[in-house]
Structure formats: C-alpha cells, structure tokens
mmCIF file of all heavy atoms, coordinates in Angstrom:
data_MODEL
# 
_entry.id   MODEL 
# 
loop_
_atom_site.group_PDB 
_atom_site.id 
_atom_site.type_symbol 
_atom_site.label_atom_id 
_atom_site.label_alt_id 
_atom_site.label_comp_id 
_atom_site.label_asym_id 
_atom_site.label_entity_id 
_atom_site.label_seq_id 
_atom_site.pdbx_PDB_ins_code 
_atom_site.Cartn_x 
_atom_site.Cartn_y 
_atom_site.Cartn_z 
_atom_site.occupancy 
_atom_site.B_iso_or_equiv 
_atom_site.pdbx_formal_charge 
_atom_site.auth_seq_id 
_atom_site.auth_comp_id 
_atom_site.auth_asym_id 
_atom_site.auth_atom_id 
_atom_site.pdbx_PDB_model_num 
ATOM 1   N N   . ASP A 1 1  ? 88.105  105.808 100.110 1.00 0.00 ? 1  ASP A N   1 
ATOM 2   C CA  . ASP A 1 1  ? 87.225  104.663 99.910  1.00 0.00 ? 1  ASP A CA  1 
ATOM 3   C C   . ASP A 1 1  ? 88.218  103.350 99.731  1.00 0.00 ? 1  ASP A C   1 
ATOM 4   O O   . ASP A 1 1  ? 87.709  102.222 100.007 1.00 0.00 ? 1  ASP A O   1 
ATOM 5   C CB  . ASP A 1 1  ? 86.417  104.682 98.589  1.00 0.00 ? 1  ASP A CB  1 
ATOM 6   C CG  . ASP A 1 1  ? 85.297  105.778 98.842  1.00 0.00 ? 1  ASP A CG  1 
ATOM 7   O OD1 . ASP A 1 1  ? 84.832  106.027 99.935  1.00 0.00 ? 1  ASP A OD1 1 
ATOM 8   O OD2 . ASP A 1 1  ? 85.047  106.498 97.823  1.00 0.00 ? 1  ASP A OD2 1 
ATOM 9   N N   . TRP A 1 2  ? 89.402  103.572 99.334  1.00 0.00 ? 2  TRP A N   1 
ATOM 10  C CA  . TRP A 1 2  ? 90.231  102.483 99.057  1.00 0.00 ? 2  TRP A CA  1 
ATOM 11  C C   . TRP A 1 2  ? 91.754  102.913 99.340  1.00 0.00 ? 2  TRP A C   1 
ATOM 12  O O   . TRP A 1 2  ? 92.534  103.411 98.491  1.00 0.00 ? 2  TRP A O   1 
ATOM 13  C CB  . TRP A 1 2  ? 90.219  101.962 97.748  1.00 0.00 ? 2  TRP A CB  1 
ATOM 14  C CG  . TRP A 1 2  ? 90.772  100.599 97.441  1.00 0.00 ? 2  TRP A CG  1 
ATOM 15  C CD1 . TRP A 1 2  ? 92.136  100.347 97.352  1.00 0.00 ? 2  TRP A CD1 1 
ATOM 16  C CD2 . TRP A 1 2  ? 90.237  99.326  97.434  1.00 0.00 ? 2  TRP A CD2 1 
ATOM 17  N NE1 . TRP A 1 2  ? 92.281  99.002  97.147  1.00 0.00 ? 2  TRP A NE1 1 
ATOM 18  C CE2 . TRP A 1 2  ? 91.121  98.378  97.254  1.00 0.00 ? 2  TRP A CE2 1 
ATOM 19  C CE3 . TRP A 1 2  ? 88.804  99.015  97.423  1.00 0.00 ? 2  TRP A CE3 1 
ATOM 20  C CZ2 . TRP A 1 2  ? 90.753  97.043  97.175  1.00 0.00 ? 2  TRP A CZ2 1 
ATOM 21  C CZ3 . TRP A 1 2  ? 88.386  97.604  97.391  1.00 0.00 ? 2  TRP A CZ3 1 
ATOM 22  C CH2 . TRP A 1 2  ? 89.391  96.743  97.165  1.00 0.00 ? 2  TRP A CH2 1 
ATOM 23  N N   . PRO A 1 3  ? 92.234  102.861 100.543 1.00 0.00 ? 3  PRO A N   1 
ATOM 24  C CA  . PRO A 1 3  ? 93.642  103.254 100.946 1.00 0.00 ? 3  PRO A CA  1 
ATOM 25  C C   . PRO A 1 3  ? 94.494  102.358 100.278 1.00 0.00 ? 3  PRO A C   1 
ATOM 26  O O   . PRO A 1 3  ? 94.377  101.111 100.035 1.00 0.00 ? 3  PRO A O   1 
ATOM 27  C CB  . PRO A 1 3  ? 93.598  103.072 102.483 1.00 0.00 ? 3  PRO A CB  1 
ATOM 28  C CG  . PRO A 1 3  ? 92.255  103.068 102.851 1.00 0.00 ? 3  PRO A CG  1 
ATOM 29  C CD  . PRO A 1 3  ? 91.518  102.481 101.845 1.00 0.00 ? 3  PRO A CD  1 
ATOM 30  N N   . VAL A 1 4  ? 95.655  102.941 99.873  1.00 0.00 ? 4  VAL A N   1 
ATOM 31  C CA  . VAL A 1 4  ? 96.949  102.124 99.302  1.00 0.00 ? 4  VAL A CA  1 
ATOM 32  C C   . VAL A 1 4  ? 97.924  102.480 100.255 1.00 0.00 ? 4  VAL A C   1 
ATOM 33  O O   . VAL A 1 4  ? 98.386  103.528 100.436 1.00 0.00 ? 4  VAL A O   1 
ATOM 34  C CB  . VAL A 1 4  ? 97.192  102.605 97.795  1.00 0.00 ? 4  VAL A CB  1 
ATOM 35  C CG1 . VAL A 1 4  ? 98.315  101.869 97.331  1.00 0.00 ? 4  VAL A CG1 1 
ATOM 36  C CG2 . VAL A 1 4  ? 95.955  102.397 96.945  1.00 0.00 ? 4  VAL A CG2 1 
ATOM 37  N N   . VAL A 1 5  ? 98.537  101.292 100.774 1.00 0.00 ? 5  VAL A N   1 
ATOM 38  C CA  . VAL A 1 5  ? 99.404  101.446 101.940 1.00 0.00 ? 5  VAL A CA  1 
ATOM 39  C C   . VAL A 1 5  ? 100.720 100.610 101.607 1.00 0.00 ? 5  VAL A C   1 
ATOM 40  O O   . VAL A 1 5  ? 100.670 99.530  101.001 1.00 0.00 ? 5  VAL A O   1 
ATOM 41  C CB  . VAL A 1 5  ? 98.760  100.764 103.192 1.00 0.00 ? 5  VAL A CB  1 
ATOM 42  C CG1 . VAL A 1 5  ? 99.853  100.617 104.258 1.00 0.00 ? 5  VAL A CG1 1 
ATOM 43  C CG2 . VAL A 1 5  ? 97.667  101.779 103.658 1.00 0.00 ? 5  VAL A CG2 1 
ATOM 44  N N   . TYR A 1 6  ? 101.803 101.152 102.002 1.00 0.00 ? 6  TYR A N   1 
ATOM 45  C CA  . TYR A 1 6  ? 103.083 100.452 102.001 1.00 0.00 ? 6  TYR A CA  1 
ATOM 46  C C   . TYR A 1 6  ? 103.557 100.250 103.339 1.00 0.00 ? 6  TYR A C   1 
ATOM 47  O O   . TYR A 1 6  ? 103.735 101.107 104.106 1.00 0.00 ? 6  TYR A O   1 
ATOM 48  C CB  . TYR A 1 6  ? 104.092 101.303 101.185 1.00 0.00 ? 6  TYR A CB  1 
ATOM 49  C CG  . TYR A 1 6  ? 105.517 100.886 101.186 1.00 0.00 ? 6  TYR A CG  1 
ATOM 50  C CD1 . TYR A 1 6  ? 105.816 99.588  100.911 1.00 0.00 ? 6  TYR A CD1 1 
ATOM 51  C CD2 . TYR A 1 6  ? 106.606 101.786 101.388 1.00 0.00 ? 6  TYR A CD2 1 
ATOM 52  C CE1 . TYR A 1 6  ? 107.332 99.279  101.002 1.00 0.00 ? 6  TYR A CE1 1 
ATOM 53  C CE2 . TYR A 1 6  ? 107.921 101.472 101.506 1.00 0.00 ? 6  TYR A CE2 1 
ATOM 54  C CZ  . TYR A 1 6  ? 108.241 100.086 101.265 1.00 0.00 ? 6  TYR A CZ  1 
ATOM 55  O OH  . TYR A 1 6  ? 109.492 99.696  101.333 1.00 0.00 ? 6  TYR A OH  1 
ATOM 56  N N   . MET A 1 7  ? 103.899 98.942  103.668 1.00 0.00 ? 7  MET A N   1 
ATOM 57  C CA  . MET A 1 7  ? 104.399 98.653  104.999 1.00 0.00 ? 7  MET A CA  1 
ATOM 58  C C   . MET A 1 7  ? 105.876 99.012  105.059 1.00 0.00 ? 7  MET A C   1 
ATOM 59  O O   . MET A 1 7  ? 106.695 98.427  104.342 1.00 0.00 ? 7  MET A O   1 
ATOM 60  C CB  . MET A 1 7  ? 104.216 97.268  105.285 1.00 0.00 ? 7  MET A CB  1 
ATOM 61  C CG  . MET A 1 7  ? 102.679 96.700  105.202 1.00 0.00 ? 7  MET A CG  1 
ATOM 62  S SD  . MET A 1 7  ? 101.572 97.722  106.120 1.00 0.00 ? 7  MET A SD  1 
ATOM 63  C CE  . MET A 1 7  ? 102.225 97.746  107.737 1.00 0.00 ? 7  MET A CE  1 
ATOM 64  N N   . SER A 1 8  ? 106.165 99.952  105.947 1.00 0.00 ? 8  SER A N   1 
ATOM 65  C CA  . SER A 1 8  ? 107.540 100.517 106.008 1.00 0.00 ? 8  SER A CA  1 
ATOM 66  C C   . SER A 1 8  ? 107.891 100.917 107.379 1.00 0.00 ? 8  SER A C   1 
ATOM 67  O O   . SER A 1 8  ? 107.135 101.581 108.019 1.00 0.00 ? 8  SER A O   1 
ATOM 68  C CB  . SER A 1 8  ? 107.631 101.749 105.063 1.00 0.00 ? 8  SER A CB  1 
ATOM 69  O OG  . SER A 1 8  ? 108.744 102.555 105.297 1.00 0.00 ? 8  SER A OG  1 
ATOM 70  N N   . PRO A 1 9  ? 109.113 100.627 107.798 1.00 0.00 ? 9  PRO A N   1 
ATOM 71  C CA  . PRO A 1 9  ? 109.533 100.998 109.097 1.00 0.00 ? 9  PRO A CA  1 
ATOM 72  C C   . PRO A 1 9  ? 109.707 102.527 109.312 1.00 0.00 ? 9  PRO A C   1 
ATOM 73  O O   . PRO A 1 9  ? 109.789 103.015 110.492 1.00 0.00 ? 9  PRO A O   1 
ATOM 74  C CB  . PRO A 1 9  ? 110.969 100.384 109.275 1.00 0.00 ? 9  PRO A CB  1 
ATOM 75  C CG  . PRO A 1 9  ? 111.376 100.054 107.958 1.00 0.00 ? 9  PRO A CG  1 
ATOM 76  C CD  . PRO A 1 9  ? 110.075 99.749  107.188 1.00 0.00 ? 9  PRO A CD  1 
ATOM 77  N N   . ARG A 1 10 ? 109.719 103.322 108.254 1.00 0.00 ? 10 ARG A N   1 
ATOM 78  C CA  . ARG A 1 10 ? 109.702 104.753 108.288 1.00 0.00 ? 10 ARG A CA  1 
ATOM 79  C C   . ARG A 1 10 ? 108.326 105.367 108.200 1.00 0.00 ? 10 ARG A C   1 
ATOM 80  O O   . ARG A 1 10 ? 108.233 106.664 108.273 1.00 0.00 ? 10 ARG A O   1 
ATOM 81  C CB  . ARG A 1 10 ? 110.617 105.318 107.266 1.00 0.00 ? 10 ARG A CB  1 
ATOM 82  C CG  . ARG A 1 10 ? 110.073 105.312 105.848 1.00 0.00 ? 10 ARG A CG  1 
ATOM 83  C CD  . ARG A 1 10 ? 110.884 105.934 104.768 1.00 0.00 ? 10 ARG A CD  1 
ATOM 84  N NE  . ARG A 1 10 ? 110.089 106.095 103.556 1.00 0.00 ? 10 ARG A NE  1 
ATOM 85  C CZ  . ARG A 1 10 ? 110.583 106.706 102.478 1.00 0.00 ? 10 ARG A CZ  1 
ATOM 86  N NH1 . ARG A 1 10 ? 111.961 106.993 102.449 1.00 0.00 ? 10 ARG A NH1 1 
ATOM 87  N NH2 . ARG A 1 10 ? 109.887 106.853 101.401 1.00 0.00 ? 10 ARG A NH2 1 
ATOM 88  N N   . GLY A 1 11 ? 107.312 104.499 108.196 1.00 0.00 ? 11 GLY A N   1 
ATOM 89  C CA  . GLY A 1 11 ? 105.918 105.007 108.037 1.00 0.00 ? 11 GLY A CA  1 
ATOM 90  C C   . GLY A 1 11 ? 105.368 105.488 109.294 1.00 0.00 ? 11 GLY A C   1 
ATOM 91  O O   . GLY A 1 11 ? 105.967 105.366 110.418 1.00 0.00 ? 11 GLY A O   1 
ATOM 92  N N   . LYS A 1 12 ? 104.169 106.060 109.206 1.00 0.00 ? 12 LYS A N   1 
ATOM 93  C CA  . LYS A 1 12 ? 103.546 106.540 110.380 1.00 0.00 ? 12 LYS A CA  1 
ATOM 94  C C   . LYS A 1 12 ? 102.981 105.388 111.242 1.00 0.00 ? 12 LYS A C   1 
ATOM 95  O O   . LYS A 1 12 ? 102.590 104.390 110.585 1.00 0.00 ? 12 LYS A O   1 
ATOM 96  C CB  . LYS A 1 12 ? 102.207 107.383 109.902 1.00 0.00 ? 12 LYS A CB  1 
ATOM 97  C CG  . LYS A 1 12 ? 101.295 107.940 111.000 1.00 0.00 ? 12 LYS A CG  1 
ATOM 98  C CD  . LYS A 1 12 ? 100.200 108.750 110.410 1.00 0.00 ? 12 LYS A CD  1 
ATOM 99  C CE  . LYS A 1 12 ? 99.188  107.866 109.710 1.00 0.00 ? 12 LYS A CE  1 
ATOM 100 N NZ  . LYS A 1 12 ? 98.388  106.954 110.578 1.00 0.00 ? 12 LYS A NZ  1 
ATOM 101 N N   . PRO A 1 13 ? 103.104 105.478 112.503 1.00 0.00 ? 13 PRO A N   1 
ATOM 102 C CA  . PRO A 1 13 ? 102.759 104.283 113.409 1.00 0.00 ? 13 PRO A CA  1 
ATOM 103 C C   . PRO A 1 13 ? 101.347 103.870 113.185 1.00 0.00 ? 13 PRO A C   1 
ATOM 104 O O   . PRO A 1 13 ? 100.441 104.767 113.256 1.00 0.00 ? 13 PRO A O   1 
ATOM 105 C CB  . PRO A 1 13 ? 103.045 104.858 114.810 1.00 0.00 ? 13 PRO A CB  1 
ATOM 106 C CG  . PRO A 1 13 ? 104.143 105.881 114.682 1.00 0.00 ? 13 PRO A CG  1 
ATOM 107 C CD  . PRO A 1 13 ? 103.830 106.476 113.380 1.00 0.00 ? 13 PRO A CD  1 
ATOM 108 N N   . PHE A 1 14 ? 101.058 102.632 112.999 1.00 0.00 ? 14 PHE A N   1 
ATOM 109 C CA  . PHE A 1 14 ? 99.691  102.150 112.830 1.00 0.00 ? 14 PHE A CA  1 
ATOM 110 C C   . PHE A 1 14 ? 98.938  102.207 114.193 1.00 0.00 ? 14 PHE A C   1 
ATOM 111 O O   . PHE A 1 14 ? 99.560  101.664 115.208 1.00 0.00 ? 14 PHE A O   1 
ATOM 112 C CB  . PHE A 1 14 ? 99.815  100.721 112.315 1.00 0.00 ? 14 PHE A CB  1 
ATOM 113 C CG  . PHE A 1 14 ? 98.457  99.983  112.028 1.00 0.00 ? 14 PHE A CG  1 
ATOM 114 C CD1 . PHE A 1 14 ? 97.593  100.480 111.213 1.00 0.00 ? 14 PHE A CD1 1 
ATOM 115 C CD2 . PHE A 1 14 ? 98.157  98.850  112.840 1.00 0.00 ? 14 PHE A CD2 1 
ATOM 116 C CE1 . PHE A 1 14 ? 96.389  99.827  111.077 1.00 0.00 ? 14 PHE A CE1 1 
ATOM 117 C CE2 . PHE A 1 14 ? 96.876  98.241  112.704 1.00 0.00 ? 14 PHE A CE2 1 
ATOM 118 C CZ  . PHE A 1 14 ? 96.055  98.723  111.818 1.00 0.00 ? 14 PHE A CZ  1 
ATOM 119 N N   . THR A 1 15 ? 97.787  102.719 114.191 1.00 0.00 ? 15 THR A N   1 
ATOM 120 C CA  . THR A 1 15 ? 97.029  102.830 115.453 1.00 0.00 ? 15 THR A CA  1 
ATOM 121 C C   . THR A 1 15 ? 95.575  102.233 115.243 1.00 0.00 ? 15 THR A C   1 
ATOM 122 O O   . THR A 1 15 ? 95.175  101.880 114.130 1.00 0.00 ? 15 THR A O   1 
ATOM 123 C CB  . THR A 1 15 ? 96.767  104.329 115.817 1.00 0.00 ? 15 THR A CB  1 
ATOM 124 O OG1 . THR A 1 15 ? 96.026  104.879 114.756 1.00 0.00 ? 15 THR A OG1 1 
ATOM 125 C CG2 . THR A 1 15 ? 98.204  104.964 115.893 1.00 0.00 ? 15 THR A CG2 1 
ATOM 126 N N   . GLN A 1 16 ? 94.879  102.171 116.388 1.00 0.00 ? 16 GLN A N   1 
ATOM 127 C CA  . GLN A 1 16 ? 93.479  101.640 116.296 1.00 0.00 ? 16 GLN A CA  1 
ATOM 128 C C   . GLN A 1 16 ? 92.559  102.505 115.464 1.00 0.00 ? 16 GLN A C   1 
ATOM 129 O O   . GLN A 1 16 ? 91.673  102.166 114.738 1.00 0.00 ? 16 GLN A O   1 
ATOM 130 C CB  . GLN A 1 16 ? 92.914  101.581 117.625 1.00 0.00 ? 16 GLN A CB  1 
ATOM 131 C CG  . GLN A 1 16 ? 91.580  100.928 117.837 1.00 0.00 ? 16 GLN A CG  1 
ATOM 132 C CD  . GLN A 1 16 ? 91.614  99.366  117.508 1.00 0.00 ? 16 GLN A CD  1 
ATOM 133 O OE1 . GLN A 1 16 ? 92.726  98.780  117.515 1.00 0.00 ? 16 GLN A OE1 1 
ATOM 134 N NE2 . GLN A 1 16 ? 90.518  98.789  117.222 1.00 0.00 ? 16 GLN A NE2 1 
ATOM 135 N N   . ALA A 1 17 ? 92.967  103.923 115.499 1.00 0.00 ? 17 ALA A N   1 
ATOM 136 C CA  . ALA A 1 17 ? 92.232  104.704 114.565 1.00 0.00 ? 17 ALA A CA  1 
ATOM 137 C C   . ALA A 1 17 ? 92.431  104.526 113.122 1.00 0.00 ? 17 ALA A C   1 
ATOM 138 O O   . ALA A 1 17 ? 91.449  104.603 112.327 1.00 0.00 ? 17 ALA A O   1 
ATOM 139 C CB  . ALA A 1 17 ? 92.606  106.275 114.868 1.00 0.00 ? 17 ALA A CB  1 
ATOM 140 N N   . ASP A 1 18 ? 93.584  104.020 112.840 1.00 0.00 ? 18 ASP A N   1 
ATOM 141 C CA  . ASP A 1 18 ? 93.891  103.721 111.375 1.00 0.00 ? 18 ASP A CA  1 
ATOM 142 C C   . ASP A 1 18 ? 93.052  102.356 111.046 1.00 0.00 ? 18 ASP A C   1 
ATOM 143 O O   . ASP A 1 18 ? 92.485  102.287 109.994 1.00 0.00 ? 18 ASP A O   1 
ATOM 144 C CB  . ASP A 1 18 ? 95.333  103.462 111.169 1.00 0.00 ? 18 ASP A CB  1 
ATOM 145 C CG  . ASP A 1 18 ? 96.206  104.734 111.201 1.00 0.00 ? 18 ASP A CG  1 
ATOM 146 O OD1 . ASP A 1 18 ? 95.864  105.737 110.814 1.00 0.00 ? 18 ASP A OD1 1 
ATOM 147 O OD2 . ASP A 1 18 ? 97.307  104.626 111.851 1.00 0.00 ? 18 ASP A OD2 1 
ATOM 148 N N   . ALA A 1 19 ? 93.034  101.422 111.958 1.00 0.00 ? 19 ALA A N   1 
ATOM 149 C CA  . ALA A 1 19 ? 92.230  100.240 111.636 1.00 0.00 ? 19 ALA A CA  1 
ATOM 150 C C   . ALA A 1 19 ? 90.732  100.577 111.537 1.00 0.00 ? 19 ALA A C   1 
ATOM 151 O O   . ALA A 1 19 ? 90.129  100.074 110.536 1.00 0.00 ? 19 ALA A O   1 
ATOM 152 C CB  . ALA A 1 19 ? 92.423  99.303  112.918 1.00 0.00 ? 19 ALA A CB  1 
ATOM 153 N N   . ARG A 1 20 ? 90.261  101.557 112.271 1.00 0.00 ? 20 ARG A N   1 
ATOM 154 C CA  . ARG A 1 20 ? 88.880  101.892 111.992 1.00 0.00 ? 20 ARG A CA  1 
ATOM 155 C C   . ARG A 1 20 ? 88.682  102.555 110.760 1.00 0.00 ? 20 ARG A C   1 
ATOM 156 O O   . ARG A 1 20 ? 87.664  102.405 110.088 1.00 0.00 ? 20 ARG A O   1 
ATOM 157 C CB  . ARG A 1 20 ? 88.402  102.845 113.194 1.00 0.00 ? 20 ARG A CB  1 
ATOM 158 C CG  . ARG A 1 20 ? 88.145  102.115 114.481 1.00 0.00 ? 20 ARG A CG  1 
ATOM 159 C CD  . ARG A 1 20 ? 87.422  103.038 115.523 1.00 0.00 ? 20 ARG A CD  1 
ATOM 160 N NE  . ARG A 1 20 ? 88.265  104.144 115.970 1.00 0.00 ? 20 ARG A NE  1 
ATOM 161 C CZ  . ARG A 1 20 ? 88.907  104.087 116.911 1.00 0.00 ? 20 ARG A CZ  1 
ATOM 162 N NH1 . ARG A 1 20 ? 89.041  103.074 117.800 1.00 0.00 ? 20 ARG A NH1 1 
ATOM 163 N NH2 . ARG A 1 20 ? 89.662  105.193 117.381 1.00 0.00 ? 20 ARG A NH2 1 
ATOM 164 N N   . ARG A 1 21 ? 89.601  103.417 110.416 1.00 0.00 ? 21 ARG A N   1 
ATOM 165 C CA  . ARG A 1 21 ? 89.498  104.169 109.053 1.00 0.00 ? 21 ARG A CA  1 
ATOM 166 C C   . ARG A 1 21 ? 89.688  103.107 107.867 1.00 0.00 ? 21 ARG A C   1 
ATOM 167 O O   . ARG A 1 21 ? 88.723  103.233 106.928 1.00 0.00 ? 21 ARG A O   1 
ATOM 168 C CB  . ARG A 1 21 ? 90.698  105.223 109.005 1.00 0.00 ? 21 ARG A CB  1 
ATOM 169 C CG  . ARG A 1 21 ? 90.845  105.824 107.622 1.00 0.00 ? 21 ARG A CG  1 
ATOM 170 C CD  . ARG A 1 21 ? 91.731  107.134 107.739 1.00 0.00 ? 21 ARG A CD  1 
ATOM 171 N NE  . ARG A 1 21 ? 93.170  106.674 108.199 1.00 0.00 ? 21 ARG A NE  1 
ATOM 172 C CZ  . ARG A 1 21 ? 94.055  106.414 107.401 1.00 0.00 ? 21 ARG A CZ  1 
ATOM 173 N NH1 . ARG A 1 21 ? 93.919  106.388 106.111 1.00 0.00 ? 21 ARG A NH1 1 
ATOM 174 N NH2 . ARG A 1 21 ? 95.306  106.056 107.889 1.00 0.00 ? 21 ARG A NH2 1 
ATOM 175 N N   . PHE A 1 22 ? 90.512  102.192 108.069 1.00 0.00 ? 22 PHE A N   1 
ATOM 176 C CA  . PHE A 1 22 ? 90.559  101.151 106.941 1.00 0.00 ? 22 PHE A CA  1 
ATOM 177 C C   . PHE A 1 22 ? 89.307  100.348 106.900 1.00 0.00 ? 22 PHE A C   1 
ATOM 178 O O   . PHE A 1 22 ? 88.916  99.945  105.830 1.00 0.00 ? 22 PHE A O   1 
ATOM 179 C CB  . PHE A 1 22 ? 91.794  100.310 107.065 1.00 0.00 ? 22 PHE A CB  1 
ATOM 180 C CG  . PHE A 1 22 ? 93.138  101.063 107.043 1.00 0.00 ? 22 PHE A CG  1 
ATOM 181 C CD1 . PHE A 1 22 ? 94.190  100.536 107.731 1.00 0.00 ? 22 PHE A CD1 1 
ATOM 182 C CD2 . PHE A 1 22 ? 93.272  102.178 106.283 1.00 0.00 ? 22 PHE A CD2 1 
ATOM 183 C CE1 . PHE A 1 22 ? 95.454  101.164 107.639 1.00 0.00 ? 22 PHE A CE1 1 
ATOM 184 C CE2 . PHE A 1 22 ? 94.552  102.864 106.213 1.00 0.00 ? 22 PHE A CE2 1 
ATOM 185 C CZ  . PHE A 1 22 ? 95.668  102.409 106.784 1.00 0.00 ? 22 PHE A CZ  1 
ATOM 186 N N   . ALA A 1 23 ? 88.759  100.035 108.024 1.00 0.00 ? 23 ALA A N   1 
ATOM 187 C CA  . ALA A 1 23 ? 87.579  99.106  108.119 1.00 0.00 ? 23 ALA A CA  1 
ATOM 188 C C   . ALA A 1 23 ? 86.453  99.838  107.502 1.00 0.00 ? 23 ALA A C   1 
ATOM 189 O O   . ALA A 1 23 ? 85.466  99.245  107.032 1.00 0.00 ? 23 ALA A O   1 
ATOM 190 C CB  . ALA A 1 23 ? 87.346  98.662  109.502 1.00 0.00 ? 23 ALA A CB  1 
ATOM 191 N N   . ALA A 1 24 ? 86.386  101.181 107.609 1.00 0.00 ? 24 ALA A N   1 
ATOM 192 C CA  . ALA A 1 24 ? 85.273  101.916 107.042 1.00 0.00 ? 24 ALA A CA  1 
ATOM 193 C C   . ALA A 1 24 ? 85.350  102.113 105.551 1.00 0.00 ? 24 ALA A C   1 
ATOM 194 O O   . ALA A 1 24 ? 84.364  102.511 104.960 1.00 0.00 ? 24 ALA A O   1 
ATOM 195 C CB  . ALA A 1 24 ? 85.167  103.239 107.703 1.00 0.00 ? 24 ALA A CB  1 
ATOM 196 N N   . ALA A 1 25 ? 86.420  101.760 104.902 1.00 0.00 ? 25 ALA A N   1 
ATOM 197 C CA  . ALA A 1 25 ? 86.599  101.789 103.561 1.00 0.00 ? 25 ALA A CA  1 
ATOM 198 C C   . ALA A 1 25 ? 86.020  100.596 102.894 1.00 0.00 ? 25 ALA A C   1 
ATOM 199 O O   . ALA A 1 25 ? 85.587  99.697  103.502 1.00 0.00 ? 25 ALA A O   1 
ATOM 200 C CB  . ALA A 1 25 ? 88.057  101.987 103.103 1.00 0.00 ? 25 ALA A CB  1 
ATOM 201 N N   . GLN A 1 26 ? 86.032  100.495 101.539 1.00 0.00 ? 26 GLN A N   1 
ATOM 202 C CA  . GLN A 1 26 ? 85.486  99.415  100.847 1.00 0.00 ? 26 GLN A CA  1 
ATOM 203 C C   . GLN A 1 26 ? 86.631  98.131  100.711 1.00 0.00 ? 26 GLN A C   1 
ATOM 204 O O   . GLN A 1 26 ? 86.220  97.089  100.532 1.00 0.00 ? 26 GLN A O   1 
ATOM 205 C CB  . GLN A 1 26 ? 85.071  99.738  99.397  1.00 0.00 ? 26 GLN A CB  1 
ATOM 206 C CG  . GLN A 1 26 ? 83.899  100.753 99.330  1.00 0.00 ? 26 GLN A CG  1 
ATOM 207 C CD  . GLN A 1 26 ? 83.603  101.232 97.911  1.00 0.00 ? 26 GLN A CD  1 
ATOM 208 O OE1 . GLN A 1 26 ? 83.615  100.322 96.938  1.00 0.00 ? 26 GLN A OE1 1 
ATOM 209 N NE2 . GLN A 1 26 ? 83.196  102.421 97.741  1.00 0.00 ? 26 GLN A NE2 1 
ATOM 210 N N   . GLY A 1 27 ? 87.826  98.667  100.957 1.00 0.00 ? 27 GLY A N   1 
ATOM 211 C CA  . GLY A 1 27 ? 88.832  97.637  100.927 1.00 0.00 ? 27 GLY A CA  1 
ATOM 212 C C   . GLY A 1 27 ? 90.207  98.438  100.920 1.00 0.00 ? 27 GLY A C   1 
ATOM 213 O O   . GLY A 1 27 ? 90.179  99.712  101.124 1.00 0.00 ? 27 GLY A O   1 
ATOM 214 N N   . MET A 1 28 ? 91.285  97.728  100.764 1.00 0.00 ? 28 MET A N   1 
ATOM 215 C CA  . MET A 1 28 ? 92.611  98.452  100.728 1.00 0.00 ? 28 MET A CA  1 
ATOM 216 C C   . MET A 1 28 ? 93.545  97.554  99.838  1.00 0.00 ? 28 MET A C   1 
ATOM 217 O O   . MET A 1 28 ? 93.389  96.351  99.854  1.00 0.00 ? 28 MET A O   1 
ATOM 218 C CB  . MET A 1 28 ? 93.093  98.839  102.157 1.00 0.00 ? 28 MET A CB  1 
ATOM 219 C CG  . MET A 1 28 ? 93.420  97.471  102.915 1.00 0.00 ? 28 MET A CG  1 
ATOM 220 S SD  . MET A 1 28 ? 93.897  97.889  104.679 1.00 0.00 ? 28 MET A SD  1 
ATOM 221 C CE  . MET A 1 28 ? 95.246  99.041  104.420 1.00 0.00 ? 28 MET A CE  1 
ATOM 222 N N   . THR A 1 29 ? 94.616  98.223  99.352  1.00 0.00 ? 29 THR A N   1 
ATOM 223 C CA  . THR A 1 29 ? 95.674  97.571  98.859  1.00 0.00 ? 29 THR A CA  1 
ATOM 224 C C   . THR A 1 29 ? 96.975  97.768  99.727  1.00 0.00 ? 29 THR A C   1 
ATOM 225 O O   . THR A 1 29 ? 97.222  98.884  100.235 1.00 0.00 ? 29 THR A O   1 
ATOM 226 C CB  . THR A 1 29 ? 96.071  98.132  97.451  1.00 0.00 ? 29 THR A CB  1 
ATOM 227 O OG1 . THR A 1 29 ? 94.911  97.883  96.536  1.00 0.00 ? 29 THR A OG1 1 
ATOM 228 C CG2 . THR A 1 29 ? 97.338  97.647  96.790  1.00 0.00 ? 29 THR A CG2 1 
# 
C-alpha cells in the first residue's frame, strides 16, 4: 500500500510495471 524506495545505482531497474505498481498504492516514500 505504501512502498518505501531508495534511489540507488545498484537498485533494480525501474520499469513501467513498477510505475503501475506504485500508482496503484496510496502513496510512497
């Protein structure tokens, strides 16, 4: 419901599927 994300060059590549997942949540940190 509320992803907590750290922007990191070693992280998992951000995709359109992630954007849809985040948009379906109530918000994010």
